[in-house]
Amino acid sequence: MSTHPVVFVAFKEFDNLGVGYLASVLSDEGYEAMIIDIRDGKAEILNLLRKQKPLIVGFSVIFQYYIHEFAELIVYLRKSGITSHFSAGGQYASMKNEDLFKYIPPLDSVVRFEGEYTFLELVNCVYSGGDWRKIKGLAFKDNGRITVNPLRPPETDLDRFPFPMRSPLKSYALGKKVATILAGRGCVNNCSFCNNTAYLRQSSLPIRRIRKPGKVVEEMEFLYHKKKCSVFLFEDDDFPLKTGKSFDWVDGFCKELKRKKLDDKIMWKINCRPDEVDHNCFALMKNHGLFLVFLGIDDGTDAGLVRLNKHMSIEESIQGVNILKKLEIGFDYGFMLFQPASTFASVNDNLDFLRQLCKDGTTPVIFLKMMPYFETRVEKDLRKDGRLKGEPGFWDYDFLNISLNHYYDYIMDSLAEWLSDVNGLANVAKWARNYISVFSHFYRMTPDVRTISAEIKKEVAQSNLFLLDILKELAAVFESGKYDPVKYRDLTGYGENIRKNHDKFKKQIISSVDKVCSIAEYQNILELFEH
């Protein structure tokens, strides 16, 4: 239809499904759409836009803590002569459009909430020269005044959308390609640290919409046969395990995988709560390719779970984890060791919980600080108590105990590589497990690989126990107040010990993974000769 494409700028660690759906809707209507990664850099993005001369550039502002990056890029593009219509979308853009126009003055419009049809209408208007300011679902700035148009009715049937546009698929492990996918949208939970409920309330979207199992499998079948994809990561906040009081959706999904002869050809990962883990349901899913679960554990105390409005208990968390361990399904988890209400006592209780969770090496120790995301109960409570610091979009807070602030600052600095770096020990340990999972599913298991798998688990267990011991010891030091608060000069031995052990454990685990890769490559060569 148009000689000028529509370009989306988004984070693309894997596929950005939100942007992918918008791009596929445009493509179905005859527009050329392309998606580029904001991490490509300002100069490269500018050169591409100068070459493509797009009608519209859409910016996917999903995360509030990346606004500066988007603002810097958008201002740079305008100053460099790009005159395309600039539109932003995403959760932050939808709920905080006034703030976004303030931070990013060159923006022309904001697509609010679900954008497939709103953005298509915007592109049609810009292409035809129509008045896009009347479009439902848009916000825009006109003569310094922000106008927010009425919302459009939501799409009730997600299967009416075409499959999302995807970039060339990346490798997951051992050469197996990976794609992200959705079984539905929305979440029925109302956790105090999450703004999903506020998002749904403001948008008038249904709390939850679930796709038909057959359509999800149809998309997986397409990706398997046309894109050679064999690893699928479901991005649903809460995978549709139960619909009502039964597991009918999961049962239908697994039957479709079996009918399409995909159950032994693919692997898949889901997100869910630990209290949703049911032995029979997860055994069924494992037999049809489930290999990994991300669990929203979040806190290791019952009092903390009440504050988070999780409506579950520690006993239920442990029970769910134990079922996964028994079924030998891998798991990662979210865990907020540091929260606005944290004390040294709660930190120690949570460290005890992490020891129980991670001492066997099934999964690495991981944790973070709860951040006060916009429109959450946590943000509102901190604001009411006068504890928010920073600026809109970048709020933070201090703990009530100054020594706990020092403890947090010290360990997060000392453990930055261990916990957060893509090449850090926690991530290396996760990927070691993933490599074993992929090998187990697609290759011939051997005694050597079983031994290596046990070695990796032992190495992860040892690293977990070392880390938890250090965290406990440092908590005692900081709680006592017997430390130098100026650059923590008396604690240098701890930092050196952490670095030394990080490198030691990481080297051991990488060596084990290299052995698995060599065995897989050998089997690949044998298979070539056999055929």
Protein backbone atom coordinates (compact mmCIF):
# COMPACT_ATOMS: atom_id res chain seq x y z
CA MET A 1 0.00 0.00 0.00
CA SER A 2 2.64 2.52 1.06
CA THR A 3 6.18 3.12 -0.10
CA HIS A 4 6.95 4.44 3.37
CA PRO A 5 6.91 1.79 6.11
CA VAL A 6 5.86 2.05 9.72
CA VAL A 7 8.81 1.57 12.06
CA PHE A 8 8.58 0.42 15.67
CA VAL A 9 11.34 1.02 18.21
CA ALA A 10 11.23 -1.40 21.14
CA PHE A 11 13.29 -3.54 23.48
CA LYS A 12 13.85 -6.86 21.71
CA GLU A 13 15.62 -9.29 24.04
CA PHE A 14 13.36 -11.87 22.43
CA ASP A 15 10.25 -10.85 20.48
CA ASN A 16 8.26 -7.87 21.73
CA LEU A 17 4.81 -9.42 21.33
CA GLY A 18 2.88 -6.20 21.97
CA VAL A 19 4.60 -4.50 19.05
CA GLY A 20 4.51 -7.74 17.05
CA TYR A 21 0.72 -7.83 17.18
CA LEU A 22 0.47 -4.19 16.05
CA ALA A 23 2.88 -4.85 13.18
CA SER A 24 0.95 -7.92 12.01
CA VAL A 25 -2.36 -6.02 12.01
CA LEU A 26 -0.73 -3.34 9.83
CA SER A 27 0.78 -5.96 7.55
CA ASP A 28 -2.64 -7.57 7.03
CA GLU A 29 -3.91 -4.17 5.86
CA GLY A 30 -1.13 -3.81 3.29
CA TYR A 31 1.36 -1.69 5.22
CA GLU A 32 5.03 -2.53 5.50
CA ALA A 33 6.06 -2.68 9.15
CA MET A 34 9.44 -3.24 10.73
CA ILE A 35 10.65 -3.52 14.32
CA ILE A 36 14.07 -2.32 15.48
CA ASP A 37 15.79 -2.60 18.84
CA ILE A 38 16.33 0.59 20.84
CA ARG A 39 19.65 -0.91 21.93
CA ASP A 40 20.92 -0.59 18.34
CA GLY A 41 21.93 2.95 19.27
CA LYS A 42 20.87 6.45 18.24
CA ALA A 43 23.10 6.79 15.18
CA GLU A 44 22.09 3.44 13.67
CA ILE A 45 18.38 4.12 14.28
CA LEU A 46 18.71 7.59 12.72
CA ASN A 47 20.40 6.16 9.62
CA LEU A 48 17.66 3.57 9.22
CA LEU A 49 14.88 6.16 9.55
CA ARG A 50 16.57 8.44 7.02
CA LYS A 51 16.73 5.53 4.61
CA GLN A 52 13.18 4.24 5.18
CA LYS A 53 11.38 7.60 5.53
CA PRO A 54 8.58 6.07 7.63
CA LEU A 55 5.05 7.44 7.87
CA ILE A 56 5.03 6.84 11.60
CA VAL A 57 7.56 5.79 14.20
CA GLY A 58 6.03 3.94 17.15
CA PHE A 59 7.92 3.76 20.44
CA SER A 60 7.10 0.94 22.86
CA VAL A 61 7.48 2.56 26.29
CA ILE A 62 6.71 -0.47 28.43
CA PHE A 63 8.94 0.18 31.44
CA GLN A 64 8.91 3.39 33.43
CA TYR A 65 12.60 3.12 34.31
CA TYR A 66 13.65 3.36 30.63
CA ILE A 67 11.93 6.67 29.91
CA HIS A 68 15.22 8.56 29.82
CA GLU A 69 16.53 6.29 27.05
CA PHE A 70 13.41 6.85 24.94
CA ALA A 71 13.38 10.60 25.65
CA GLU A 72 17.01 10.97 24.65
CA LEU A 73 16.47 9.02 21.43
CA ILE A 74 13.26 10.82 20.40
CA VAL A 75 14.70 14.29 21.00
CA TYR A 76 17.84 13.29 19.07
CA LEU A 77 15.79 12.05 16.10
CA ARG A 78 13.72 15.24 15.93
CA LYS A 79 16.81 17.45 16.15
CA SER A 80 18.37 15.35 13.39
CA GLY A 81 15.52 16.17 11.01
CA ILE A 82 13.18 13.18 11.28
CA THR A 83 9.68 14.57 10.64
CA SER A 84 7.67 11.33 10.88
CA HIS A 85 4.69 11.18 13.22
CA PHE A 86 6.04 10.03 16.61
CA SER A 87 3.63 7.92 18.66
CA ALA A 88 4.23 6.08 21.93
CA GLY A 89 2.43 3.13 23.45
CA GLY A 90 2.80 0.69 26.30
CA GLN A 91 1.71 0.48 29.90
CA TYR A 92 3.45 3.62 31.16
CA ALA A 93 2.47 5.63 28.09
CA SER A 94 -1.16 4.54 28.51
CA MET A 95 -1.52 5.35 32.20
CA LYS A 96 0.84 8.33 32.50
CA ASN A 97 0.45 10.11 29.17
CA GLU A 98 0.64 13.58 30.75
CA ASP A 99 3.99 12.75 32.35
CA LEU A 100 5.23 11.26 29.09
CA PHE A 101 4.39 14.37 27.06
CA LYS A 102 6.23 16.39 29.70
CA TYR A 103 9.36 14.21 29.50
CA ILE A 104 9.28 13.81 25.71
CA PRO A 105 7.96 17.03 24.10
CA PRO A 106 8.53 15.86 20.48
CA LEU A 107 5.88 13.14 20.82
CA ASP A 108 2.86 13.69 18.58
CA SER A 109 0.51 11.14 20.11
CA VAL A 110 0.09 8.35 22.64
CA VAL A 111 -1.85 5.17 21.86
CA ARG A 112 -3.59 4.26 25.11
CA PHE A 113 -3.98 0.67 26.29
CA GLU A 114 -4.62 -2.07 23.72
CA GLY A 115 -3.40 -0.55 20.49
CA GLU A 116 -3.99 -2.89 17.56
CA TYR A 117 -7.02 -1.07 16.13
CA THR A 118 -6.17 2.41 17.42
CA PHE A 119 -2.73 2.35 15.83
CA LEU A 120 -4.11 0.98 12.56
CA GLU A 121 -6.60 3.85 12.41
CA LEU A 122 -3.81 6.32 13.19
CA VAL A 123 -1.68 4.95 10.34
CA ASN A 124 -4.66 5.10 7.96
CA CYS A 125 -5.28 8.75 8.87
CA VAL A 126 -1.64 9.80 8.54
CA TYR A 127 -1.40 7.95 5.22
CA SER A 128 -4.59 9.50 3.82
CA GLY A 129 -4.15 12.95 5.35
CA GLY A 130 -7.21 12.57 7.57
CA ASP A 131 -7.72 14.12 11.00
CA TRP A 132 -6.09 11.65 13.37
CA ARG A 133 -6.94 13.81 16.42
CA LYS A 134 -10.48 12.40 16.48
CA ILE A 135 -9.37 8.77 16.85
CA LYS A 136 -10.67 6.90 19.89
CA GLY A 137 -7.92 5.68 22.19
CA LEU A 138 -5.46 8.50 21.41
CA ALA A 139 -3.98 11.21 23.60
CA PHE A 140 -2.16 14.16 22.05
CA LYS A 141 -0.85 17.62 22.81
CA ASP A 142 -2.39 20.58 20.99
CA ASN A 143 -1.13 24.12 21.66
CA GLY A 144 0.32 22.99 24.96
CA ARG A 145 -2.91 21.35 26.14
CA ILE A 146 -3.20 17.58 26.42
CA THR A 147 -6.35 16.02 24.98
CA VAL A 148 -7.34 12.48 25.94
CA ASN A 149 -9.92 10.98 23.60
CA PRO A 150 -12.49 8.38 24.73
CA LEU A 151 -11.33 4.77 24.67
CA ARG A 152 -12.48 2.33 22.02
CA PRO A 153 -14.26 -0.91 22.96
CA PRO A 154 -11.80 -3.76 23.58
CA GLU A 155 -11.45 -6.80 21.35
CA THR A 156 -13.12 -9.65 23.23
CA ASP A 157 -11.72 -12.46 21.06
CA LEU A 158 -7.91 -12.41 20.95
CA ASP A 159 -7.90 -15.02 18.19
CA ARG A 160 -9.25 -12.39 15.79
CA PHE A 161 -5.77 -10.85 15.80
CA PRO A 162 -3.28 -12.31 13.30
CA PHE A 163 -0.23 -14.06 14.72
CA PRO A 164 2.34 -11.45 15.82
CA MET A 165 5.15 -10.40 13.51
CA ARG A 166 8.48 -11.79 14.64
CA SER A 167 12.08 -10.98 13.84
CA PRO A 168 14.38 -13.87 12.85
CA LEU A 169 14.29 -16.27 15.78
CA LYS A 170 17.27 -16.48 18.10
CA SER A 171 18.96 -19.58 19.43
CA TYR A 172 17.98 -20.71 22.92
CA ALA A 173 20.41 -23.53 23.72
CA LEU A 174 22.25 -26.16 21.65
CA GLY A 175 21.05 -24.45 18.47
CA LYS A 176 17.33 -24.77 19.23
CA LYS A 177 15.36 -21.70 18.18
CA VAL A 178 13.07 -19.89 20.62
CA ALA A 179 9.92 -17.77 20.35
CA THR A 180 7.73 -15.99 22.87
CA ILE A 181 3.98 -16.59 22.75
CA LEU A 182 0.77 -15.69 24.59
CA ALA A 183 -2.10 -17.91 25.67
CA GLY A 184 -4.08 -14.90 26.88
CA ARG A 185 -4.00 -11.38 28.29
CA GLY A 186 -4.78 -10.05 31.74
CA CYS A 187 -4.41 -11.35 35.29
CA VAL A 188 -7.00 -12.12 37.95
CA ASN A 189 -4.66 -11.32 40.86
CA ASN A 190 -4.25 -7.98 42.61
CA CYS A 191 -0.76 -7.92 44.14
CA SER A 192 0.18 -4.70 45.92
CA PHE A 193 3.41 -4.25 43.93
CA CYS A 194 1.82 -4.71 40.48
CA ASN A 195 -0.18 -2.16 38.48
CA ASN A 196 -2.08 -4.68 36.35
CA THR A 197 -5.33 -4.12 38.22
CA ALA A 198 -5.07 -0.34 37.79
CA TYR A 199 -4.23 -0.83 34.11
CA LEU A 200 -7.28 -3.00 33.52
CA ARG A 201 -9.55 -0.70 35.51
CA GLN A 202 -8.48 2.42 33.60
CA SER A 203 -8.62 0.68 30.24
CA SER A 204 -12.01 -1.04 30.68
CA LEU A 205 -10.34 -4.20 29.35
CA PRO A 206 -11.64 -7.55 30.64
CA ILE A 207 -9.71 -8.89 33.63
CA ARG A 208 -8.68 -11.91 31.61
CA ARG A 209 -9.07 -13.07 28.03
CA ILE A 210 -7.86 -16.52 27.04
CA ARG A 211 -7.22 -17.78 23.53
CA LYS A 212 -8.59 -21.07 22.29
CA PRO A 213 -6.14 -23.93 22.93
CA GLY A 214 -6.34 -24.96 19.27
CA LYS A 215 -5.34 -21.48 18.06
CA VAL A 216 -2.35 -21.36 20.41
CA VAL A 217 -1.18 -24.75 19.15
CA GLU A 218 -1.81 -23.62 15.56
CA GLU A 219 0.60 -20.73 16.13
CA MET A 220 3.16 -23.09 17.67
CA GLU A 221 2.76 -25.49 14.75
CA PHE A 222 3.33 -22.63 12.29
CA LEU A 223 6.49 -21.54 14.12
CA TYR A 224 7.76 -25.11 14.37
CA HIS A 225 7.31 -25.95 10.68
CA LYS A 226 7.98 -22.53 9.10
CA LYS A 227 10.55 -21.05 11.51
CA LYS A 228 12.17 -24.23 12.89
CA CYS A 229 11.20 -23.16 16.42
CA SER A 230 11.22 -25.82 19.12
CA VAL A 231 11.35 -23.78 22.37
CA PHE A 232 8.38 -21.62 23.39
CA LEU A 233 8.30 -19.13 26.26
CA PHE A 234 4.76 -18.21 27.31
CA GLU A 235 4.69 -14.57 28.43
CA ASP A 236 1.30 -14.63 30.16
CA ASP A 237 1.56 -13.03 33.60
CA ASP A 238 -0.40 -16.04 34.84
CA PHE A 239 -0.71 -19.02 32.49
CA PRO A 240 -4.36 -20.22 32.23
CA LEU A 241 -3.95 -23.31 34.39
CA LYS A 242 -7.44 -23.14 35.82
CA THR A 243 -10.49 -21.84 34.01
CA GLY A 244 -13.15 -21.83 36.66
CA LYS A 245 -12.44 -24.80 38.92
CA SER A 246 -11.03 -27.19 36.34
CA PHE A 247 -7.95 -27.68 34.20
CA ASP A 248 -10.00 -27.97 31.00
CA TRP A 249 -7.89 -25.42 29.10
CA VAL A 250 -4.64 -27.23 29.87
CA ASP A 251 -6.22 -30.57 29.01
CA GLY A 252 -7.43 -29.24 25.66
CA PHE A 253 -4.06 -27.61 24.97
CA CYS A 254 -2.14 -30.84 25.62
CA LYS A 255 -4.58 -32.85 23.49
CA GLU A 256 -4.01 -30.42 20.61
CA LEU A 257 -0.23 -30.73 20.97
CA LYS A 258 -0.62 -34.51 20.82
CA ARG A 259 -2.98 -34.35 17.84
CA LYS A 260 -0.53 -32.14 15.94
CA LYS A 261 2.34 -34.49 16.88
CA LEU A 262 4.20 -31.64 18.58
CA ASP A 263 4.29 -33.00 22.13
CA ASP A 264 7.69 -34.69 21.72
CA LYS A 265 9.13 -32.10 19.31
CA ILE A 266 8.89 -28.91 21.38
CA MET A 267 9.59 -27.56 24.87
CA TRP A 268 7.75 -24.76 26.63
CA LYS A 269 7.93 -22.55 29.70
CA ILE A 270 5.12 -20.85 31.66
CA ASN A 271 4.64 -18.31 34.45
CA CYS A 272 2.34 -19.00 37.40
CA ARG A 273 1.88 -18.75 41.16
CA PRO A 274 3.29 -21.53 43.37
CA ASP A 275 -0.13 -22.22 44.87
CA GLU A 276 -1.41 -23.08 41.37
CA VAL A 277 1.02 -25.97 40.97
CA ASP A 278 -1.00 -29.18 40.88
CA HIS A 279 0.78 -32.53 40.60
CA ASN A 280 -1.50 -34.16 38.04
CA CYS A 281 -1.83 -31.05 35.88
CA PHE A 282 1.92 -30.41 35.81
CA ALA A 283 2.72 -34.07 35.19
CA LEU A 284 0.43 -33.87 32.15
CA MET A 285 2.11 -30.69 30.94
CA LYS A 286 5.59 -32.15 31.44
CA ASN A 287 4.62 -35.14 29.31
CA HIS A 288 3.70 -32.66 26.57
CA GLY A 289 6.86 -30.52 26.69
CA LEU A 290 6.75 -28.30 29.80
CA PHE A 291 10.33 -27.90 31.04
CA LEU A 292 10.46 -24.64 33.00
CA VAL A 293 8.20 -22.58 35.27
CA PHE A 294 8.67 -19.04 36.53
CA LEU A 295 7.05 -18.84 39.97
CA GLY A 296 5.80 -15.64 41.60
CA ILE A 297 7.05 -16.54 45.09
CA ASP A 298 7.98 -12.94 46.00
CA ASP A 299 8.32 -13.32 49.79
CA GLY A 300 9.33 -16.05 52.23
CA THR A 301 7.19 -15.03 55.20
CA ASP A 302 3.45 -15.23 55.74
CA ALA A 303 3.38 -11.65 57.04
CA GLY A 304 5.14 -10.46 53.90
CA LEU A 305 2.71 -12.32 51.64
CA VAL A 306 -0.19 -10.61 53.41
CA ARG A 307 1.40 -7.19 52.76
CA LEU A 308 1.83 -8.13 49.11
CA ASN A 309 -1.83 -9.18 48.91
CA LYS A 310 -0.79 -12.55 47.49
CA HIS A 311 -3.59 -14.57 49.14
CA MET A 312 -1.34 -17.57 49.62
CA SER A 313 0.88 -19.00 52.35
CA ILE A 314 4.51 -20.05 52.65
CA GLU A 315 3.30 -23.61 53.05
CA GLU A 316 1.62 -23.38 49.63
CA SER A 317 4.79 -21.92 48.09
CA ILE A 318 6.90 -24.77 49.44
CA GLN A 319 4.34 -27.35 48.36
CA GLY A 320 4.31 -25.99 44.80
CA VAL A 321 8.11 -25.96 44.64
CA ASN A 322 8.32 -29.52 45.96
CA ILE A 323 5.90 -30.75 43.29
CA LEU A 324 8.09 -29.22 40.57
CA LYS A 325 11.21 -30.76 42.11
CA LYS A 326 9.54 -34.17 42.32
CA LEU A 327 8.47 -33.95 38.67
CA GLU A 328 11.94 -32.67 37.71
CA ILE A 329 10.54 -29.52 36.11
CA GLY A 330 12.96 -26.61 36.32
CA PHE A 331 11.90 -23.36 37.94
CA ASP A 332 12.95 -19.75 38.31
CA TYR A 333 11.24 -17.38 40.68
CA GLY A 334 10.63 -13.76 41.59
CA PHE A 335 11.72 -12.77 45.10
CA MET A 336 11.81 -9.34 46.75
CA LEU A 337 14.23 -9.63 49.66
CA PHE A 338 14.04 -5.87 50.16
CA GLN A 339 10.69 -4.09 50.53
CA PRO A 340 9.45 -0.84 52.09
CA ALA A 341 8.58 -2.68 55.33
CA SER A 342 11.85 -4.65 55.47
CA THR A 343 13.77 -5.00 58.73
CA PHE A 344 16.86 -7.03 59.54
CA ALA A 345 14.54 -9.61 61.10
CA SER A 346 12.45 -9.97 57.92
CA VAL A 347 15.60 -10.10 55.77
CA ASN A 348 16.98 -12.92 57.92
CA ASP A 349 13.68 -14.81 57.78
CA ASN A 350 13.66 -14.49 54.00
CA LEU A 351 17.27 -15.67 53.77
CA ASP A 352 16.25 -18.75 55.77
CA PHE A 353 13.45 -19.35 53.27
CA LEU A 354 15.86 -19.01 50.34
CA ARG A 355 18.14 -21.56 51.98
CA GLN A 356 15.26 -24.03 52.14
CA LEU A 357 14.38 -23.26 48.51
CA CYS A 358 17.86 -23.33 46.98
CA LYS A 359 20.12 -25.50 49.14
CA ASP A 360 19.82 -28.49 46.79
CA GLY A 361 21.04 -26.52 43.74
CA THR A 362 17.83 -26.91 41.74
CA THR A 363 17.83 -23.16 41.11
CA PRO A 364 20.23 -20.31 41.96
CA VAL A 365 19.65 -17.75 44.70
CA ILE A 366 18.19 -14.60 43.19
CA PHE A 367 16.50 -11.56 44.71
CA LEU A 368 15.86 -7.87 44.19
CA LYS A 369 14.37 -4.77 45.75
CA MET A 370 10.67 -4.05 45.33
CA MET A 371 10.35 -0.89 43.26
CA PRO A 372 7.36 1.47 43.63
CA TYR A 373 5.89 1.14 40.16
CA PHE A 374 3.36 3.75 39.15
CA GLU A 375 -0.28 3.25 40.14
CA THR A 376 0.52 0.43 42.59
CA ARG A 377 -0.64 0.29 46.18
CA VAL A 378 3.02 0.30 47.22
CA GLU A 379 3.62 3.60 45.43
CA LYS A 380 0.51 5.15 46.95
CA ASP A 381 1.40 4.01 50.48
CA LEU A 382 4.94 5.37 50.19
CA ARG A 383 3.61 8.66 48.84
CA LYS A 384 1.13 8.92 51.72
CA ASP A 385 3.94 8.26 54.22
CA GLY A 386 6.25 10.81 52.58
CA ARG A 387 8.84 8.18 51.70
CA LEU A 388 8.96 8.45 47.90
CA LYS A 389 12.14 9.99 46.57
CA GLY A 390 13.26 10.83 43.04
CA GLU A 391 10.90 12.04 40.32
CA PRO A 392 7.80 10.72 38.54
CA GLY A 393 8.66 7.61 36.58
CA PHE A 394 11.81 7.05 38.63
CA TRP A 395 10.55 6.78 42.19
CA ASP A 396 12.55 5.00 44.88
CA TYR A 397 12.58 4.90 48.67
CA ASP A 398 14.85 4.38 51.67
CA PHE A 399 14.32 1.78 54.35
CA LEU A 400 13.30 2.92 57.81
CA ASN A 401 16.58 1.68 59.32
CA ILE A 402 19.66 3.54 58.04
CA SER A 403 21.86 0.50 58.66
CA LEU A 404 19.54 -1.54 56.42
CA ASN A 405 20.07 1.08 53.70
CA HIS A 406 23.82 0.63 54.11
CA TYR A 407 23.48 -3.17 54.03
CA TYR A 408 21.39 -3.02 50.86
CA ASP A 409 23.78 -0.62 49.13
CA TYR A 410 26.81 -2.70 50.06
CA ILE A 411 25.52 -6.11 49.03
CA MET A 412 23.89 -4.92 45.80
CA ASP A 413 27.17 -3.29 44.82
CA SER A 414 29.23 -6.32 45.85
CA LEU A 415 26.83 -8.77 44.18
CA ALA A 416 26.00 -6.73 41.06
CA GLU A 417 27.86 -9.09 38.73
CA TRP A 418 26.71 -12.23 40.57
CA LEU A 419 22.99 -11.37 40.54
CA SER A 420 22.41 -9.00 37.62
CA ASP A 421 25.05 -9.37 34.93
CA VAL A 422 24.10 -11.44 31.89
CA ASN A 423 27.44 -13.22 32.35
CA GLY A 424 27.11 -13.39 36.13
CA LEU A 425 26.88 -16.57 38.16
CA ALA A 426 23.11 -16.52 38.73
CA ASN A 427 22.40 -16.30 35.00
CA VAL A 428 25.10 -18.83 34.13
CA ALA A 429 23.54 -21.27 36.61
CA LYS A 430 20.09 -20.82 35.07
CA TRP A 431 21.42 -21.42 31.58
CA ALA A 432 23.37 -24.48 32.69
CA ARG A 433 20.07 -25.98 33.82
CA ASN A 434 18.42 -24.92 30.55
CA TYR A 435 21.14 -26.61 28.50
CA ILE A 436 20.62 -29.83 30.43
CA SER A 437 16.85 -29.55 29.83
CA VAL A 438 17.30 -29.06 26.09
CA PHE A 439 19.76 -31.94 25.90
CA SER A 440 17.40 -34.22 27.85
CA HIS A 441 14.52 -33.43 25.49
CA PHE A 442 16.23 -33.52 22.10
CA TYR A 443 19.30 -35.73 22.50
CA ARG A 444 20.07 -39.27 23.61
CA MET A 445 20.70 -39.17 27.34
CA THR A 446 24.02 -40.74 28.37
CA PRO A 447 25.59 -41.64 31.73
CA ASP A 448 28.15 -38.88 31.17
CA VAL A 449 25.47 -36.21 30.83
CA ARG A 450 23.66 -37.51 33.91
CA THR A 451 26.93 -37.18 35.83
CA ILE A 452 27.52 -33.67 34.48
CA SER A 453 23.96 -32.68 35.42
CA ALA A 454 24.55 -33.86 38.98
CA GLU A 455 27.85 -31.95 39.07
CA ILE A 456 26.14 -28.73 37.94
CA LYS A 457 23.46 -29.12 40.60
CA LYS A 458 26.15 -29.66 43.24
CA GLU A 459 28.11 -26.61 42.06
CA VAL A 460 24.99 -24.43 42.13
CA ALA A 461 24.13 -25.73 45.62
CA GLN A 462 27.60 -24.87 46.91
CA SER A 463 27.46 -21.38 45.40
CA ASN A 464 23.99 -20.83 46.90
CA LEU A 465 25.10 -21.83 50.40
CA PHE A 466 28.21 -19.65 50.16
CA LEU A 467 26.11 -16.67 49.10
CA LEU A 468 23.49 -17.15 51.81
CA ASP A 469 26.17 -17.53 54.50
CA ILE A 470 27.81 -14.27 53.37
CA LEU A 471 24.47 -12.45 53.32
CA LYS A 472 23.66 -13.66 56.83
CA GLU A 473 27.08 -12.69 58.14
CA LEU A 474 26.93 -9.23 56.59
CA ALA A 475 23.41 -8.70 57.94
CA ALA A 476 24.76 -9.30 61.45
CA VAL A 477 27.63 -6.86 60.86
CA PHE A 478 25.38 -4.07 59.59
CA GLU A 479 22.69 -4.64 62.20
CA SER A 480 25.33 -4.31 64.94
CA GLY A 481 26.41 -0.93 63.56
CA LYS A 482 30.07 -1.97 63.84
CA TYR A 483 31.23 -0.94 60.39
CA ASP A 484 32.75 2.08 58.68
CA PRO A 485 29.94 3.79 56.72
CA VAL A 486 32.49 5.68 54.58
CA LYS A 487 33.04 3.41 51.57
CA TYR A 488 32.87 0.40 53.96
CA ARG A 489 36.67 0.27 54.08
CA ASP A 490 36.69 -2.34 56.84
CA LEU A 491 34.63 -4.76 54.71
CA THR A 492 36.97 -5.13 51.72
CA GLY A 493 37.68 -8.74 52.66
CA TYR A 494 34.03 -9.64 52.04
CA GLY A 495 34.09 -8.12 48.58
CA GLU A 496 37.27 -9.96 47.66
CA ASN A 497 35.84 -13.25 48.95
CA ILE A 498 32.64 -12.75 46.92
CA ARG A 499 34.59 -12.03 43.72
CA LYS A 500 36.91 -15.01 44.23
CA ASN A 501 34.09 -17.47 44.83
CA HIS A 502 31.95 -16.00 42.05
CA ASP A 503 34.71 -16.62 39.54
CA LYS A 504 35.47 -20.09 40.93
CA PHE A 505 31.89 -21.36 40.79
CA LYS A 506 31.22 -19.73 37.44
CA LYS A 507 34.30 -21.38 35.91
CA GLN A 508 33.21 -24.80 37.21
CA ILE A 509 29.67 -24.46 35.85
CA ILE A 510 30.79 -23.18 32.44
CA SER A 511 33.23 -26.08 32.17
CA SER A 512 30.37 -28.50 32.83
CA VAL A 513 28.16 -26.84 30.19
CA ASP A 514 31.00 -27.00 27.66
CA LYS A 515 31.11 -30.77 28.17
CA VAL A 516 27.38 -31.03 27.46
CA CYS A 517 27.80 -28.98 24.28
CA SER A 518 30.62 -31.26 23.12
CA ILE A 519 28.51 -34.38 23.66
CA ALA A 520 25.59 -32.79 21.79
CA GLU A 521 27.86 -31.86 18.89
CA TYR A 522 29.23 -35.41 18.77
CA GLN A 523 25.68 -36.81 18.60
CA ASN A 524 24.85 -34.34 15.81
CA ILE A 525 27.83 -35.59 13.80
CA LEU A 526 26.85 -39.21 14.36
CA GLU A 527 23.32 -38.46 13.18
CA LEU A 528 24.67 -36.89 9.98
CA PHE A 529 26.67 -40.03 9.22
CA GLU A 530 23.68 -42.26 9.99
CA HIS A 531 21.55 -40.36 7.46
